[in-house]
Protein backbone atom coordinates (compact mmCIF):
# COMPACT_ATOMS: atom_id res chain seq x y z
CA MET A 1 33.82 -50.10 42.89
CA THR A 2 34.01 -52.59 39.82
CA ASP A 3 30.12 -52.14 40.21
CA ASP A 4 30.91 -48.09 40.05
CA LYS A 5 33.35 -48.74 36.89
CA ASN A 6 30.99 -50.46 34.99
CA LYS A 7 28.07 -48.29 35.52
CA VAL A 8 30.43 -45.22 34.33
CA THR A 9 31.46 -47.31 31.48
CA ASP A 10 28.12 -48.20 30.49
CA LYS A 11 26.73 -44.73 30.78
CA ALA A 12 29.66 -43.69 28.47
CA GLY A 13 29.15 -46.05 26.22
CA GLU A 14 25.13 -45.09 25.67
CA ILE A 15 26.30 -41.15 25.51
CA ALA A 16 28.82 -42.29 22.52
CA LYS A 17 26.11 -44.47 20.98
CA ASN A 18 23.75 -41.77 21.21
CA ILE A 19 25.96 -39.45 19.86
CA TRP A 20 26.67 -41.62 16.98
CA LEU A 21 22.70 -42.22 16.20
CA ALA A 22 22.41 -38.17 16.16
CA GLY A 23 25.10 -38.24 13.68
CA VAL A 24 23.61 -41.22 11.33
CA GLY A 25 20.20 -39.76 11.75
CA ALA A 26 21.38 -36.22 10.71
CA TYR A 27 23.11 -37.59 7.54
CA GLY A 28 19.68 -39.63 7.02
CA ARG A 29 17.82 -36.20 7.13
CA ALA A 30 20.22 -34.28 4.66
CA VAL A 31 20.03 -37.43 2.00
CA ASP A 32 16.41 -37.40 2.09
CA GLU A 33 16.09 -33.43 1.74
CA ALA A 34 18.66 -33.58 -0.87
CA GLN A 35 17.12 -36.16 -2.97
CA GLY A 36 13.57 -33.79 -2.31
CA ARG A 37 15.15 -30.70 -3.58
CA LEU A 38 16.89 -32.67 -6.53
CA GLU A 39 13.33 -33.81 -7.70
CA LYS A 40 12.09 -30.11 -6.95
CA ALA A 41 15.07 -28.78 -8.99
CA GLY A 42 13.94 -30.86 -11.92
CA VAL A 43 10.58 -29.03 -12.08
CA GLU A 44 11.78 -25.56 -10.72
CA PRO A 45 14.36 -24.19 -13.54
CA PRO A 46 12.06 -23.07 -15.89
CA LYS A 47 10.32 -21.34 -13.39
CA LEU A 48 13.35 -19.81 -11.93
CA PHE A 49 14.51 -19.04 -15.50
CA ARG A 50 11.71 -17.00 -16.68
CA GLU A 51 12.15 -14.90 -13.13
CA LEU A 52 15.31 -14.16 -14.02
CA VAL A 53 14.27 -13.48 -17.37
CA LYS A 54 11.67 -10.98 -16.08
CA ALA A 55 14.25 -9.49 -13.67
CA GLY A 56 17.21 -8.83 -16.31
CA ALA A 57 14.31 -7.09 -18.30
CA ALA A 58 13.42 -4.67 -15.74
CA LEU A 59 16.79 -3.92 -15.06
CA GLU A 60 17.58 -3.26 -18.49
CA ASP A 61 14.55 -0.70 -18.78
CA GLU A 62 15.65 0.95 -15.89
CA ALA A 63 19.31 1.42 -17.36
CA ARG A 64 17.81 2.32 -20.72
CA ASP A 65 15.45 4.92 -18.87
CA ALA A 66 18.93 6.67 -16.87
CA ILE A 67 20.89 6.57 -20.35
CA GLU A 68 18.17 8.53 -21.80
CA ALA A 69 18.03 10.84 -18.90
CA GLY A 70 21.32 11.49 -18.83
CA SER A 71 21.64 11.71 -22.44
CA SER A 72 18.69 14.56 -22.26
CA ALA A 73 20.39 16.41 -19.79
CA ARG A 74 23.62 16.42 -21.76
CA ASN A 75 21.83 17.67 -24.79
CA SER A 76 20.16 20.39 -22.62
CA VAL A 77 23.63 21.27 -21.21
CA GLU A 78 25.09 21.81 -24.96
CA ASP A 79 21.48 23.53 -26.18
CA ARG A 80 22.17 26.10 -23.54
CA ILE A 81 26.07 26.68 -24.15
CA ASN A 82 24.89 26.80 -27.89
CA ARG A 83 22.55 29.45 -27.04
CA VAL A 84 25.15 31.53 -25.01
CA ARG A 85 27.60 31.50 -27.65
CA GLU A 86 25.12 32.59 -30.58
CA ASN A 87 24.30 35.53 -28.09
CA PHE A 88 27.87 36.81 -27.65
CA ASN A 89 28.82 35.85 -31.61
CA LEU A 90 31.04 33.07 -30.35
CA GLN A 91 30.16 30.06 -32.38
CA ARG A 92 33.53 28.47 -32.20
CA PRO A 93 36.99 29.73 -30.59
CA ALA A 94 39.06 31.59 -32.63
CA ARG A 95 41.61 29.70 -34.90
CA GLY A 96 45.20 31.12 -36.40
CA GLU A 97 43.78 30.83 -39.58
CA ASP A 98 40.87 33.27 -38.42
CA LEU A 99 43.10 35.86 -36.87
CA LEU A 100 45.02 36.01 -39.83
CA ALA A 101 42.18 36.71 -42.19
CA LEU A 102 41.13 39.39 -39.85
CA HIS A 103 44.36 41.14 -39.80
CA GLU A 104 44.35 40.90 -44.03
CA LYS A 105 40.92 42.39 -43.54
CA ILE A 106 41.80 45.13 -41.29
CA ASP A 107 44.77 45.87 -43.76
CA ARG A 108 42.55 46.29 -46.90
CA LEU A 109 40.28 48.47 -45.09
CA ALA A 110 43.57 50.72 -43.60
CA ASN A 111 44.55 50.67 -47.16
CA ARG A 112 40.87 52.12 -48.66
CA VAL A 113 40.81 54.62 -46.04
CA ASP A 114 44.28 55.88 -47.00
CA ALA A 115 43.01 55.63 -50.94
CA LEU A 116 40.13 57.76 -49.97
CA THR A 117 42.01 60.02 -47.82
CA ALA A 118 44.39 60.94 -50.86
CA ALA A 119 41.52 61.09 -53.03
CA LEU A 120 40.08 63.81 -50.98
CA SER A 121 43.21 65.63 -50.49
CA ALA A 122 43.56 65.65 -53.84
CA SER A 123 40.24 67.02 -54.66
CA GLY A 124 40.38 69.64 -51.99
CA THR A 125 37.56 68.73 -50.17
CA LEU A 126 39.54 67.44 -47.22
CA LYS A 127 41.82 69.71 -45.53
CA THR A 128 44.87 68.26 -43.82
CA PRO A 129 45.61 69.82 -40.37
CA ARG A 130 48.82 71.65 -40.11
CA LYS A 131 51.51 71.06 -37.41
CA ALA A 132 52.77 73.88 -35.36
CA PRO A 133 56.31 74.32 -35.55
CA ALA A 134 57.93 72.75 -32.33
CA LYS A 135 58.82 75.40 -29.94
CA LYS A 136 62.15 75.72 -27.86
CA LYS A 137 62.14 75.38 -24.27
CA LYS A 138 64.20 77.87 -22.72
CA ALA A 139 66.65 76.85 -19.66
CA PRO A 140 64.57 78.25 -16.68
CA ALA A 141 66.35 81.40 -15.06
CA ARG A 142 68.04 80.54 -11.75
CA ALA A 143 66.10 81.90 -9.03
CA LYS A 144 67.64 83.81 -6.10
CA LYS A 145 67.95 81.45 -2.56
CA SER A 146 65.50 83.42 -0.88
CA PRO A 147 62.43 81.15 0.75
CA ALA A 148 59.38 81.29 -1.92
CA LYS A 149 56.31 81.84 -0.06
CA LYS A 150 53.49 79.79 -0.63
CA ARG A 151 50.30 80.71 -2.08
CA PRO A 152 46.99 79.21 -0.41
CA ALA A 153 45.10 76.50 -3.03
CA ALA A 154 42.43 78.84 -3.38
CA LYS A 155 44.66 81.29 -4.72
CA ARG A 156 46.80 79.32 -7.24
CA PRO A 157 46.02 79.32 -10.89
CA ALA A 158 44.50 75.87 -12.04
CA ALA A 159 47.29 73.99 -13.75
CA LYS A 160 45.87 73.27 -17.50
CA LYS A 161 45.10 69.57 -18.35
CA PRO A 162 46.05 68.31 -21.72
CA GLN A 163 43.63 68.05 -24.56
CA THR A 164 43.07 64.77 -25.38
CA ALA A 165 41.53 63.48 -28.90
CA LYS A 166 37.95 62.45 -28.84
CA LYS A 167 37.69 58.89 -29.66
CA ALA A 168 35.14 58.01 -32.30
CA PRO A 169 31.98 56.19 -31.36
CA ALA A 170 32.48 52.10 -31.55
CA ARG A 171 30.79 50.49 -34.51
CA LYS A 172 28.79 47.72 -34.55
CA LYS A 173 30.25 44.21 -36.02
CA SER A 174 28.98 42.93 -39.02
CA ARG A 175 28.90 39.61 -39.59
C-alpha cells in the first residue's frame, strides 16, 4: 500500500512540476515577444504615424466634400424658394410698417379720386345719380281664412332677382 501511495504521490508531484514548468515557459515566451515588439516599436512609430496622417487626410477630404455637397444642396433649395417668391412677388414677408404705408397710399388715392369726382361734378362732366325716394311699404291686407290654392310651378310667375352692381375689372399691381 505504501508503494501505491508513493506512486500516486510521485505522479502528482510530476504533474505539479510540469504545470510549474509550463507557466515558466509561458512567462519566458511572453518576455521574448515583448522584447521583440519593443525593438520593432522603435522602428515602426514613424511608419504608423505616417499611415495615420494619410488616413486622417482622406477623412478630412471626405468631410469637406460632404460639407460642400450639403451647402450646395442648401443653396439650391434657397435659390428655388427665392425664384418662387419672385414669381409671386413675395420678396419678403409683410411687416407692420409695410401695411401702414399701404393704408396711407390707399387713403391718398381715395382722396385723389374724391377730388377728381368733385372737379368733374363742378365742371358738369359728371352727372351724379339721384336716388329715388324710398317707398313706404303698405301693411298687407288680411286675407280671408279660405284655403289658398297652390299653382303648379310652371304657372307661377318667376320671382325677380335683385340686380347687383357689376364689379370693375381688377387692376394689375404695379411695383
